[in-house]
PDB file of N, CA and C in Angstrom:
ATOM      1  N   MET A   1       9.237 -11.993  -1.787  1.00  0.00           N
ATOM      2  CA  MET A   1       8.143 -11.479  -0.982  1.00  0.00           C
ATOM      3  C   MET A   1       6.926 -11.247  -1.884  1.00  0.00           C
ATOM      4  N   THR A   2       5.794 -11.736  -1.468  1.00  0.00           N
ATOM      5  CA  THR A   2       4.563 -11.577  -2.222  1.00  0.00           C
ATOM      6  C   THR A   2       3.986 -10.188  -1.984  1.00  0.00           C
ATOM      7  N   GLU A   3       3.589  -9.553  -3.060  1.00  0.00           N
ATOM      8  CA  GLU A   3       3.009  -8.218  -2.951  1.00  0.00           C
ATOM      9  C   GLU A   3       1.581  -8.308  -2.418  1.00  0.00           C
ATOM     10  N   PRO A   4       1.243  -7.488  -1.415  1.00  0.00           N
ATOM     11  CA  PRO A   4      -0.130  -7.500  -0.888  1.00  0.00           C
ATOM     12  C   PRO A   4      -1.137  -7.046  -1.946  1.00  0.00           C
ATOM     13  N   ASP A   5      -2.342  -7.562  -1.855  1.00  0.00           N
ATOM     14  CA  ASP A   5      -3.403  -7.218  -2.807  1.00  0.00           C
ATOM     15  C   ASP A   5      -3.667  -5.719  -2.850  1.00  0.00           C
ATOM     16  N   PHE A   6      -3.619  -5.039  -1.689  1.00  0.00           N
ATOM     17  CA  PHE A   6      -3.949  -3.619  -1.679  1.00  0.00           C
ATOM     18  C   PHE A   6      -2.946  -2.805  -2.505  1.00  0.00           C
ATOM     19  N   LEU A   7      -1.710  -3.235  -2.591  1.00  0.00           N
ATOM     20  CA  LEU A   7      -0.737  -2.519  -3.423  1.00  0.00           C
ATOM     21  C   LEU A   7      -1.038  -2.728  -4.902  1.00  0.00           C
ATOM     22  N   ARG A   8      -1.369  -3.936  -5.266  1.00  0.00           N
ATOM     23  CA  ARG A   8      -1.738  -4.229  -6.658  1.00  0.00           C
ATOM     24  C   ARG A   8      -2.981  -3.430  -7.052  1.00  0.00           C
ATOM     25  N   THR A   9      -3.963  -3.390  -6.160  1.00  0.00           N
ATOM     26  CA  THR A   9      -5.200  -2.654  -6.416  1.00  0.00           C
ATOM     27  C   THR A   9      -4.921  -1.162  -6.561  1.00  0.00           C
ATOM     28  N   THR A  10      -4.104  -0.631  -5.676  1.00  0.00           N
ATOM     29  CA  THR A  10      -3.763   0.793  -5.731  1.00  0.00           C
ATOM     30  C   THR A  10      -3.021   1.120  -7.015  1.00  0.00           C
ATOM     31  N   ARG A  11      -2.044   0.304  -7.375  1.00  0.00           N
ATOM     32  CA  ARG A  11      -1.277   0.526  -8.608  1.00  0.00           C
ATOM     33  C   ARG A  11      -2.197   0.501  -9.823  1.00  0.00           C
ATOM     34  N   THR A  12      -3.065  -0.494  -9.867  1.00  0.00           N
ATOM     35  CA  THR A  12      -3.997  -0.620 -10.995  1.00  0.00           C
ATOM     36  C   THR A  12      -4.899   0.597 -11.100  1.00  0.00           C
ATOM     37  N   PHE A  13      -5.406   1.082  -9.968  1.00  0.00           N
ATOM     38  CA  PHE A  13      -6.266   2.261  -9.973  1.00  0.00           C
ATOM     39  C   PHE A  13      -5.523   3.486 -10.509  1.00  0.00           C
ATOM     40  N   TYR A  14      -4.343   3.770  -9.951  1.00  0.00           N
ATOM     41  CA  TYR A  14      -3.610   4.960 -10.396  1.00  0.00           C
ATOM     42  C   TYR A  14      -3.118   4.832 -11.833  1.00  0.00           C
ATOM     43  N   ASP A  15      -2.779   3.646 -12.258  1.00  0.00           N
ATOM     44  CA  ASP A  15      -2.434   3.452 -13.667  1.00  0.00           C
ATOM     45  C   ASP A  15      -3.627   3.804 -14.565  1.00  0.00           C
ATOM     46  N   ALA A  16      -4.826   3.415 -14.137  1.00  0.00           N
ATOM     47  CA  ALA A  16      -6.025   3.648 -14.938  1.00  0.00           C
ATOM     48  C   ALA A  16      -6.391   5.127 -15.040  1.00  0.00           C
ATOM     49  N   VAL A  17      -6.095   5.903 -14.004  1.00  0.00           N
ATOM     50  CA  VAL A  17      -6.508   7.319 -13.993  1.00  0.00           C
ATOM     51  C   VAL A  17      -5.356   8.279 -14.250  1.00  0.00           C
ATOM     52  N   ALA A  18      -4.186   7.777 -14.563  1.00  0.00           N
ATOM     53  CA  ALA A  18      -2.983   8.628 -14.651  1.00  0.00           C
ATOM     54  C   ALA A  18      -3.155   9.812 -15.583  1.00  0.00           C
ATOM     55  N   THR A  19      -3.640   9.599 -16.778  1.00  0.00           N
ATOM     56  CA  THR A  19      -3.770  10.697 -17.742  1.00  0.00           C
ATOM     57  C   THR A  19      -4.781  11.722 -17.264  1.00  0.00           C
ATOM     58  N   ASP A  20      -5.949  11.262 -16.803  1.00  0.00           N
ATOM     59  CA  ASP A  20      -6.968  12.189 -16.309  1.00  0.00           C
ATOM     60  C   ASP A  20      -6.469  12.944 -15.077  1.00  0.00           C
ATOM     61  N   TYR A  21      -5.785  12.242 -14.179  1.00  0.00           N
ATOM     62  CA  TYR A  21      -5.249  12.871 -12.974  1.00  0.00           C
ATOM     63  C   TYR A  21      -4.244  13.969 -13.345  1.00  0.00           C
ATOM     64  N   ALA A  22      -3.333  13.648 -14.230  1.00  0.00           N
ATOM     65  CA  ALA A  22      -2.311  14.616 -14.631  1.00  0.00           C
ATOM     66  C   ALA A  22      -2.945  15.823 -15.315  1.00  0.00           C
ATOM     67  N   ASP A  23      -3.943  15.597 -16.147  1.00  0.00           N
ATOM     68  CA  ASP A  23      -4.626  16.718 -16.805  1.00  0.00           C
ATOM     69  C   ASP A  23      -5.385  17.577 -15.800  1.00  0.00           C
ATOM     70  N   ARG A  24      -6.091  16.944 -14.897  1.00  0.00           N
ATOM     71  CA  ARG A  24      -6.902  17.683 -13.913  1.00  0.00           C
ATOM     72  C   ARG A  24      -6.039  18.544 -13.004  1.00  0.00           C
ATOM     73  N   PHE A  25      -4.893  18.056 -12.599  1.00  0.00           N
ATOM     74  CA  PHE A  25      -4.059  18.781 -11.644  1.00  0.00           C
ATOM     75  C   PHE A  25      -2.838  19.431 -12.292  1.00  0.00           C
ATOM     76  N   ARG A  26      -2.850  19.559 -13.608  1.00  0.00           N
ATOM     77  CA  ARG A  26      -1.712  20.125 -14.350  1.00  0.00           C
ATOM     78  C   ARG A  26      -1.267  21.475 -13.791  1.00  0.00           C
ATOM     79  N   ASP A  27      -2.188  22.382 -13.539  1.00  0.00           N
ATOM     80  CA  ASP A  27      -1.849  23.728 -13.078  1.00  0.00           C
ATOM     81  C   ASP A  27      -2.206  23.965 -11.619  1.00  0.00           C
ATOM     82  N   ALA A  28      -2.446  22.901 -10.879  1.00  0.00           N
ATOM     83  CA  ALA A  28      -2.898  23.046  -9.497  1.00  0.00           C
ATOM     84  C   ALA A  28      -1.914  23.839  -8.644  1.00  0.00           C
ATOM     85  N   LEU A  29      -0.638  23.619  -8.823  1.00  0.00           N
ATOM     86  CA  LEU A  29       0.354  24.312  -8.009  1.00  0.00           C
ATOM     87  C   LEU A  29       0.373  25.814  -8.308  1.00  0.00           C
ATOM     88  N   ALA A  30       0.114  26.181  -9.542  1.00  0.00           N
ATOM     89  CA  ALA A  30       0.083  27.600  -9.917  1.00  0.00           C
ATOM     90  C   ALA A  30      -1.027  28.337  -9.179  1.00  0.00           C
ATOM     91  N   ALA A  31      -2.098  27.643  -8.851  1.00  0.00           N
ATOM     92  CA  ALA A  31      -3.234  28.260  -8.170  1.00  0.00           C
ATOM     93  C   ALA A  31      -3.139  28.159  -6.647  1.00  0.00           C
ATOM     94  N   ARG A  32      -2.012  27.684  -6.140  1.00  0.00           N
ATOM     95  CA  ARG A  32      -1.852  27.485  -4.691  1.00  0.00           C
ATOM     96  C   ARG A  32      -0.606  28.193  -4.175  1.00  0.00           C
ATOM     97  N   PRO A  33      -0.709  29.491  -3.952  1.00  0.00           N
ATOM     98  CA  PRO A  33       0.469  30.241  -3.510  1.00  0.00           C
ATOM     99  C   PRO A  33       1.015  29.764  -2.159  1.00  0.00           C
ATOM    100  N   LEU A  34       0.149  29.318  -1.269  1.00  0.00           N
ATOM    101  CA  LEU A  34       0.638  28.834   0.021  1.00  0.00           C
ATOM    102  C   LEU A  34       1.459  27.558  -0.150  1.00  0.00           C
ATOM    103  N   ASP A  35       0.997  26.648  -0.994  1.00  0.00           N
ATOM    104  CA  ASP A  35       1.761  25.424  -1.259  1.00  0.00           C
ATOM    105  C   ASP A  35       3.130  25.758  -1.845  1.00  0.00           C
ATOM    106  N   ARG A  36       3.161  26.697  -2.793  1.00  0.00           N
ATOM    107  CA  ARG A  36       4.444  27.098  -3.393  1.00  0.00           C
ATOM    108  C   ARG A  36       5.355  27.728  -2.335  1.00  0.00           C
ATOM    109  N   ALA A  37       4.783  28.506  -1.438  1.00  0.00           N
ATOM    110  CA  ALA A  37       5.578  29.136  -0.383  1.00  0.00           C
ATOM    111  C   ALA A  37       6.146  28.090   0.580  1.00  0.00           C
ATOM    112  N   VAL A  38       5.347  27.100   0.916  1.00  0.00           N
ATOM    113  CA  VAL A  38       5.829  26.024   1.800  1.00  0.00           C
ATOM    114  C   VAL A  38       6.965  25.263   1.119  1.00  0.00           C
ATOM    115  N   LEU A  39       6.793  24.955  -0.163  1.00  0.00           N
ATOM    116  CA  LEU A  39       7.850  24.254  -0.898  1.00  0.00           C
ATOM    117  C   LEU A  39       9.109  25.115  -0.998  1.00  0.00           C
ATOM    118  N   ALA A  40       8.956  26.410  -1.201  1.00  0.00           N
ATOM    119  CA  ALA A  40      10.120  27.312  -1.255  1.00  0.00           C
ATOM    120  C   ALA A  40      10.827  27.353   0.090  1.00  0.00           C
ATOM    121  N   GLY A  41      10.050  27.414   1.182  1.00  0.00           N
ATOM    122  CA  GLY A  41      10.654  27.387   2.524  1.00  0.00           C
ATOM    123  C   GLY A  41      11.377  26.079   2.784  1.00  0.00           C
ATOM    124  N   PHE A  42      10.767  24.977   2.372  1.00  0.00           N
ATOM    125  CA  PHE A  42      11.404  23.672   2.507  1.00  0.00           C
ATOM    126  C   PHE A  42      12.715  23.638   1.728  1.00  0.00           C
ATOM    127  N   ALA A  43      12.673  24.115   0.488  1.00  0.00           N
ATOM    128  CA  ALA A  43      13.888  24.128  -0.341  1.00  0.00           C
ATOM    129  C   ALA A  43      14.977  24.971   0.304  1.00  0.00           C
ATOM    130  N   GLU A  44      14.594  26.088   0.872  1.00  0.00           N
ATOM    131  CA  GLU A  44      15.577  26.959   1.546  1.00  0.00           C
ATOM    132  C   GLU A  44      16.226  26.235   2.722  1.00  0.00           C
ATOM    133  N   LEU A  45      15.428  25.517   3.504  1.00  0.00           N
ATOM    134  CA  LEU A  45      15.969  24.770   4.644  1.00  0.00           C
ATOM    135  C   LEU A  45      16.907  23.652   4.188  1.00  0.00           C
ATOM    136  N   VAL A  46      16.543  22.957   3.135  1.00  0.00           N
ATOM    137  CA  VAL A  46      17.386  21.876   2.612  1.00  0.00           C
ATOM    138  C   VAL A  46      18.718  22.438   2.131  1.00  0.00           C
ATOM    139  N   ARG A  47      18.661  23.545   1.392  1.00  0.00           N
ATOM    140  CA  ARG A  47      19.909  24.157   0.898  1.00  0.00           C
ATOM    141  C   ARG A  47      20.759  24.676   2.048  1.00  0.00           C
ATOM    142  N   ALA A  48      20.129  25.300   3.054  1.00  0.00           N
ATOM    143  CA  ALA A  48      20.873  25.850   4.198  1.00  0.00           C
ATOM    144  C   ALA A  48      21.578  24.745   4.982  1.00  0.00           C
ATOM    145  N   ALA A  49      20.972  23.569   5.042  1.00  0.00           N
ATOM    146  CA  ALA A  49      21.561  22.437   5.756  1.00  0.00           C
ATOM    147  C   ALA A  49      22.520  21.647   4.873  1.00  0.00           C
ATOM    148  N   ASP A  50      22.666  22.086   3.626  1.00  0.00           N
ATOM    149  CA  ASP A  50      23.479  21.369   2.650  1.00  0.00           C
ATOM    150  C   ASP A  50      23.071  19.894   2.621  1.00  0.00           C
ATOM    151  N   ALA A  51      21.752  19.694   2.624  1.00  0.00           N
ATOM    152  CA  ALA A  51      21.187  18.342   2.665  1.00  0.00           C
ATOM    153  C   ALA A  51      20.718  17.931   1.274  1.00  0.00           C
ATOM    154  N   GLY A  52      20.256  16.743   1.189  1.00  0.00           N
ATOM    155  CA  GLY A  52      19.726  16.236  -0.075  1.00  0.00           C
ATOM    156  C   GLY A  52      20.452  14.971  -0.446  1.00  0.00           C
ATOM    157  N   PRO A  53      20.016  14.309  -1.456  1.00  0.00           N
ATOM    158  CA  PRO A  53      18.900  14.663  -2.321  1.00  0.00           C
ATOM    159  C   PRO A  53      17.563  14.488  -1.611  1.00  0.00           C
ATOM    160  N   VAL A  54      16.525  15.068  -2.186  1.00  0.00           N
ATOM    161  CA  VAL A  54      15.171  14.999  -1.656  1.00  0.00           C
ATOM    162  C   VAL A  54      14.404  13.944  -2.450  1.00  0.00           C
ATOM    163  N   ALA A  55      13.667  13.108  -1.750  1.00  0.00           N
ATOM    164  CA  ALA A  55      12.820  12.100  -2.386  1.00  0.00           C
ATOM    165  C   ALA A  55      11.378  12.576  -2.358  1.00  0.00           C
ATOM    166  N   ASP A  56      10.751  12.638  -3.513  1.00  0.00           N
ATOM    167  CA  ASP A  56       9.325  12.940  -3.622  1.00  0.00           C
ATOM    168  C   ASP A  56       8.616  11.600  -3.711  1.00  0.00           C
ATOM    169  N   LEU A  57       8.170  11.107  -2.553  1.00  0.00           N
ATOM    170  CA  LEU A  57       7.537   9.790  -2.483  1.00  0.00           C
ATOM    171  C   LEU A  57       6.076   9.904  -2.876  1.00  0.00           C
ATOM    172  N   GLY A  58       5.672   9.103  -3.819  1.00  0.00           N
ATOM    173  CA  GLY A  58       4.329   9.222  -4.366  1.00  0.00           C
ATOM    174  C   GLY A  58       4.262  10.405  -5.310  1.00  0.00           C
ATOM    175  N   CYS A  59       5.261  10.523  -6.187  1.00  0.00           N
ATOM    176  CA  CYS A  59       5.431  11.706  -7.030  1.00  0.00           C
ATOM    177  C   CYS A  59       4.359  11.875  -8.088  1.00  0.00           C
ATOM    178  N   GLY A  60       3.577  10.823  -8.360  1.00  0.00           N
ATOM    179  CA  GLY A  60       2.535  10.954  -9.377  1.00  0.00           C
ATOM    180  C   GLY A  60       3.118  11.437 -10.688  1.00  0.00           C
ATOM    181  N   PRO A  61       2.474  12.432 -11.316  1.00  0.00           N
ATOM    182  CA  PRO A  61       2.964  12.913 -12.606  1.00  0.00           C
ATOM    183  C   PRO A  61       4.172  13.843 -12.495  1.00  0.00           C
ATOM    184  N   GLY A  62       4.708  14.027 -11.287  1.00  0.00           N
ATOM    185  CA  GLY A  62       5.975  14.735 -11.123  1.00  0.00           C
ATOM    186  C   GLY A  62       5.897  16.240 -10.985  1.00  0.00           C
ATOM    187  N   ARG A  63       4.744  16.800 -10.712  1.00  0.00           N
ATOM    188  CA  ARG A  63       4.619  18.262 -10.612  1.00  0.00           C
ATOM    189  C   ARG A  63       5.443  18.841  -9.471  1.00  0.00           C
ATOM    190  N   VAL A  64       5.336  18.241  -8.280  1.00  0.00           N
ATOM    191  CA  VAL A  64       6.107  18.748  -7.137  1.00  0.00           C
ATOM    192  C   VAL A  64       7.585  18.445  -7.332  1.00  0.00           C
ATOM    193  N   THR A  65       7.900  17.296  -7.897  1.00  0.00           N
ATOM    194  CA  THR A  65       9.292  16.958  -8.194  1.00  0.00           C
ATOM    195  C   THR A  65       9.908  18.030  -9.084  1.00  0.00           C
ATOM    196  N   ALA A  66       9.184  18.396 -10.129  1.00  0.00           N
ATOM    197  CA  ALA A  66       9.672  19.417 -11.064  1.00  0.00           C
ATOM    198  C   ALA A  66       9.809  20.770 -10.381  1.00  0.00           C
ATOM    199  N   HIS A  67       8.855  21.105  -9.530  1.00  0.00           N
ATOM    200  CA  HIS A  67       8.907  22.398  -8.836  1.00  0.00           C
ATOM    201  C   HIS A  67      10.127  22.453  -7.905  1.00  0.00           C
ATOM    202  N   LEU A  68      10.364  21.393  -7.166  1.00  0.00           N
ATOM    203  CA  LEU A  68      11.533  21.360  -6.282  1.00  0.00           C
ATOM    204  C   LEU A  68      12.826  21.420  -7.083  1.00  0.00           C
ATOM    205  N   ASP A  69      12.842  20.763  -8.231  1.00  0.00           N
ATOM    206  CA  ASP A  69      14.000  20.843  -9.114  1.00  0.00           C
ATOM    207  C   ASP A  69      14.213  22.288  -9.568  1.00  0.00           C
ATOM    208  N   ALA A  70      13.130  22.960  -9.937  1.00  0.00           N
ATOM    209  CA  ALA A  70      13.224  24.355 -10.378  1.00  0.00           C
ATOM    210  C   ALA A  70      13.702  25.267  -9.251  1.00  0.00           C
ATOM    211  N   LEU A  71      13.472  24.857  -8.009  1.00  0.00           N
ATOM    212  CA  LEU A  71      13.959  25.627  -6.859  1.00  0.00           C
ATOM    213  C   LEU A  71      15.419  25.303  -6.529  1.00  0.00           C
ATOM    214  N   GLY A  72      16.032  24.451  -7.320  1.00  0.00           N
ATOM    215  CA  GLY A  72      17.456  24.180  -7.169  1.00  0.00           C
ATOM    216  C   GLY A  72      17.811  22.977  -6.323  1.00  0.00           C
ATOM    217  N   LEU A  73      16.837  22.160  -5.972  1.00  0.00           N
ATOM    218  CA  LEU A  73      17.149  20.983  -5.162  1.00  0.00           C
ATOM    219  C   LEU A  73      17.515  19.799  -6.045  1.00  0.00           C
ATOM    220  N   SER A  74      18.351  18.936  -5.496  1.00  0.00           N
ATOM    221  CA  SER A  74      18.587  17.632  -6.098  1.00  0.00           C
ATOM    222  C   SER A  74      17.420  16.769  -5.635  1.00  0.00           C
ATOM    223  N   VAL A  75      16.567  16.351  -6.569  1.00  0.00           N
ATOM    224  CA  VAL A  75      15.322  15.685  -6.203  1.00  0.00           C
ATOM    225  C   VAL A  75      15.051  14.528  -7.150  1.00  0.00           C
ATOM    226  N   PHE A  76      14.426  13.497  -6.623  1.00  0.00           N
ATOM    227  CA  PHE A  76      13.980  12.391  -7.455  1.00  0.00           C
ATOM    228  C   PHE A  76      12.618  11.952  -6.940  1.00  0.00           C
ATOM    229  N   GLY A  77      11.853  11.314  -7.806  1.00  0.00           N
ATOM    230  CA  GLY A  77      10.527  10.863  -7.424  1.00  0.00           C
ATOM    231  C   GLY A  77      10.392   9.366  -7.543  1.00  0.00           C
ATOM    232  N   ILE A  78       9.558   8.839  -6.685  1.00  0.00           N
ATOM    233  CA  ILE A  78       9.224   7.418  -6.704  1.00  0.00           C
ATOM    234  C   ILE A  78       7.706   7.319  -6.638  1.00  0.00           C
ATOM    235  N   ASP A  79       7.139   6.476  -7.475  1.00  0.00           N
ATOM    236  CA  ASP A  79       5.697   6.263  -7.418  1.00  0.00           C
ATOM    237  C   ASP A  79       5.403   4.795  -7.654  1.00  0.00           C
ATOM    238  N   LEU A  80       4.328   4.340  -7.057  1.00  0.00           N
ATOM    239  CA  LEU A  80       3.895   2.954  -7.208  1.00  0.00           C
ATOM    240  C   LEU A  80       3.366   2.683  -8.610  1.00  0.00           C
ATOM    241  N   SER A  81       2.860   3.735  -9.270  1.00  0.00           N
ATOM    242  CA  SER A  81       2.207   3.588 -10.569  1.00  0.00           C
ATOM    243  C   SER A  81       3.176   3.833 -11.726  1.00  0.00           C
ATOM    244  N   PRO A  82       3.491   2.825 -12.508  1.00  0.00           N
ATOM    245  CA  PRO A  82       4.341   3.038 -13.675  1.00  0.00           C
ATOM    246  C   PRO A  82       3.741   4.041 -14.666  1.00  0.00           C
ATOM    247  N   GLN A  83       2.415   4.099 -14.774  1.00  0.00           N
ATOM    248  CA  GLN A  83       1.786   5.049 -15.694  1.00  0.00           C
ATOM    249  C   GLN A  83       1.990   6.486 -15.232  1.00  0.00           C
ATOM    250  N   MET A  84       1.933   6.742 -13.929  1.00  0.00           N
ATOM    251  CA  MET A  84       2.198   8.092 -13.409  1.00  0.00           C
ATOM    252  C   MET A  84       3.646   8.479 -13.715  1.00  0.00           C
ATOM    253  N   VAL A  85       4.553   7.562 -13.497  1.00  0.00           N
ATOM    254  CA  VAL A  85       5.967   7.843 -13.767  1.00  0.00           C
ATOM    255  C   VAL A  85       6.186   8.065 -15.263  1.00  0.00           C
ATOM    256  N   ALA A  86       5.522   7.264 -16.079  1.00  0.00           N
ATOM    257  CA  ALA A  86       5.643   7.456 -17.530  1.00  0.00           C
ATOM    258  C   ALA A  86       5.150   8.840 -17.926  1.00  0.00           C
ATOM    259  N   PHE A  87       4.083   9.302 -17.310  1.00  0.00           N
ATOM    260  CA  PHE A  87       3.577  10.640 -17.609  1.00  0.00           C
ATOM    261  C   PHE A  87       4.608  11.688 -17.184  1.00  0.00           C
ATOM    262  N   ALA A  88       5.210  11.511 -16.027  1.00  0.00           N
ATOM    263  CA  ALA A  88       6.226  12.460 -15.558  1.00  0.00           C
ATOM    264  C   ALA A  88       7.405  12.514 -16.517  1.00  0.00           C
ATOM    265  N   ARG A  89       7.773  11.390 -17.072  1.00  0.00           N
ATOM    266  CA  ARG A  89       8.880  11.354 -18.036  1.00  0.00           C
ATOM    267  C   ARG A  89       8.530  12.065 -19.335  1.00  0.00           C
ATOM    268  N   ARG A  90       7.283  11.933 -19.770  1.00  0.00           N
ATOM    269  CA  ARG A  90       6.862  12.519 -21.044  1.00  0.00           C
ATOM    270  C   ARG A  90       6.708  14.021 -20.983  1.00  0.00           C
ATOM    271  N   GLU A  91       6.214  14.545 -19.872  1.00  0.00           N
ATOM    272  CA  GLU A  91       5.867  15.957 -19.803  1.00  0.00           C
ATOM    273  C   GLU A  91       6.493  16.623 -18.593  1.00  0.00           C
ATOM    274  N   PRO A  92       7.777  16.913 -18.661  1.00  0.00           N
ATOM    275  CA  PRO A  92       8.385  17.628 -17.541  1.00  0.00           C
ATOM    276  C   PRO A  92       7.722  18.992 -17.381  1.00  0.00           C
ATOM    277  N   ASP A  93       7.580  19.394 -16.143  1.00  0.00           N
ATOM    278  CA  ASP A  93       6.863  20.624 -15.812  1.00  0.00           C
ATOM    279  C   ASP A  93       7.826  21.777 -15.585  1.00  0.00           C
ATOM    280  N   GLU A  94       7.359  22.965 -15.788  1.00  0.00           N
ATOM    281  CA  GLU A  94       8.078  24.183 -15.449  1.00  0.00           C
ATOM    282  C   GLU A  94       9.447  24.295 -16.100  1.00  0.00           C
ATOM    283  N   GLY A  95       9.675  23.600 -17.182  1.00  0.00           N
ATOM    284  CA  GLY A  95      10.950  23.703 -17.872  1.00  0.00           C
ATOM    285  C   GLY A  95      12.109  23.086 -17.121  1.00  0.00           C
ATOM    286  N   ALA A  96      11.827  22.271 -16.134  1.00  0.00           N
ATOM    287  CA  ALA A  96      12.893  21.661 -15.348  1.00  0.00           C
ATOM    288  C   ALA A  96      13.661  20.669 -16.216  1.00  0.00           C
ATOM    289  N   GLU A  97      14.921  20.927 -16.409  1.00  0.00           N
ATOM    290  CA  GLU A  97      15.726  20.097 -17.298  1.00  0.00           C
ATOM    291  C   GLU A  97      15.920  18.688 -16.772  1.00  0.00           C
ATOM    292  N   THR A  98      15.989  18.541 -15.468  1.00  0.00           N
ATOM    293  CA  THR A  98      16.325  17.228 -14.926  1.00  0.00           C
ATOM    294  C   THR A  98      15.114  16.386 -14.593  1.00  0.00           C
ATOM    295  N   THR A  99      13.915  16.908 -14.747  1.00  0.00           N
ATOM    296  CA  THR A  99      12.749  16.139 -14.338  1.00  0.00           C
ATOM    297  C   THR A  99      12.623  14.843 -15.108  1.00  0.00           C
ATOM    298  N   GLN A 100      13.009  14.831 -16.373  1.00  0.00           N
ATOM    299  CA  GLN A 100      12.898  13.592 -17.126  1.00  0.00           C
ATOM    300  C   GLN A 100      13.791  12.524 -16.534  1.00  0.00           C
ATOM    301  N   GLN A 101      14.866  12.908 -15.898  1.00  0.00           N
ATOM    302  CA  GLN A 101      15.680  11.920 -15.222  1.00  0.00           C
ATOM    303  C   GLN A 101      15.280  11.767 -13.753  1.00  0.00           C
ATOM    304  N   ALA A 102      14.618  12.777 -13.189  1.00  0.00           N
ATOM    305  CA  ALA A 102      14.366  12.785 -11.753  1.00  0.00           C
ATOM    306  C   ALA A 102      13.225  11.873 -11.339  1.00  0.00           C
ATOM    307  N   CYS A 103      12.095  11.969 -11.998  1.00  0.00           N
ATOM    308  CA  CYS A 103      10.934  11.195 -11.564  1.00  0.00           C
ATOM    309  C   CYS A 103      10.793   9.953 -12.428  1.00  0.00           C
ATOM    310  N   LEU A 104      11.702   9.030 -12.227  1.00  0.00           N
ATOM    311  CA  LEU A 104      11.780   7.876 -13.112  1.00  0.00           C
ATOM    312  C   LEU A 104      11.356   6.565 -12.481  1.00  0.00           C
ATOM    313  N   MET A 105      11.290   6.514 -11.193  1.00  0.00           N
ATOM    314  CA  MET A 105      11.204   5.220 -10.556  1.00  0.00           C
ATOM    315  C   MET A 105       9.793   4.804 -10.213  1.00  0.00           C
ATOM    316  N   ALA A 106       9.392   3.683 -10.701  1.00  0.00           N
ATOM    317  CA  ALA A 106       8.172   3.027 -10.255  1.00  0.00           C
ATOM    318  C   ALA A 106       8.640   1.788  -9.513  1.00  0.00           C
ATOM    319  N   ARG A 107       8.532   1.812  -8.232  1.00  0.00           N
ATOM    320  CA  ARG A 107       9.108   0.725  -7.441  1.00  0.00           C
ATOM    321  C   ARG A 107       8.049   0.102  -6.543  1.00  0.00           C
ATOM    322  N   LYS A 108       8.201  -1.144  -6.317  1.00  0.00           N
ATOM    323  CA  LYS A 108       7.409  -1.807  -5.301  1.00  0.00           C
ATOM    324  C   LYS A 108       8.043  -1.464  -3.958  1.00  0.00           C
ATOM    325  N   PRO A 109       7.235  -1.231  -2.919  1.00  0.00           N
ATOM    326  CA  PRO A 109       7.819  -0.881  -1.619  1.00  0.00           C
ATOM    327  C   PRO A 109       8.896  -1.856  -1.153  1.00  0.00           C
ATOM    328  N   ALA A 110       8.740  -3.126  -1.443  1.00  0.00           N
ATOM    329  CA  ALA A 110       9.738  -4.118  -1.016  1.00  0.00           C
ATOM    330  C   ALA A 110      11.066  -3.933  -1.734  1.00  0.00           C
ATOM    331  N   ASP A 111      11.061  -3.262  -2.897  1.00  0.00           N
ATOM    332  CA  ASP A 111      12.285  -3.075  -3.678  1.00  0.00           C
ATOM    333  C   ASP A 111      13.064  -1.817  -3.300  1.00  0.00           C
ATOM    334  N   ILE A 112      12.474  -0.980  -2.445  1.00  0.00           N
ATOM    335  CA  ILE A 112      13.124   0.274  -2.060  1.00  0.00           C
ATOM    336  C   ILE A 112      14.120  -0.030  -0.932  1.00  0.00           C
ATOM    337  N   PRO A 113      15.393   0.321  -1.141  1.00  0.00           N
ATOM    338  CA  PRO A 113      16.382   0.061  -0.106  1.00  0.00           C
ATOM    339  C   PRO A 113      16.047   0.798   1.187  1.00  0.00           C
ATOM    340  N   ARG A 114      16.271   0.141   2.278  1.00  0.00           N
ATOM    341  CA  ARG A 114      16.027   0.750   3.595  1.00  0.00           C
ATOM    342  C   ARG A 114      17.359   0.913   4.308  1.00  0.00           C
ATOM    343  N   PRO A 115      17.478   2.017   5.094  1.00  0.00           N
ATOM    344  CA  PRO A 115      18.737   2.224   5.828  1.00  0.00           C
ATOM    345  C   PRO A 115      18.963   1.177   6.879  1.00  0.00           C
TER     346      PRO A 115
END
């Protein structure tokens, strides 16, 4: 299957800005108590349903992936940009031990298994 131009363009753009993006939004979650509360509520619902793992689609540098991991969820991230994923691998957030293994996948949409 041939990859559409818009996916190539999007990947190239996010690869180009990955370092600046990760630096700019490094502490964004710390300054957003409502976002953290929503993620905590989500994590509570997932645990109560004994569900998971959770997929962080478009994980970027892995900040939300790491936060969900720190909340005790089994989580993994997928991003179109290999540079964003590389950044997530290099700098796990919040001391999450599994983030280096969690946000590893840079996949083309056609390569993602569908149910």
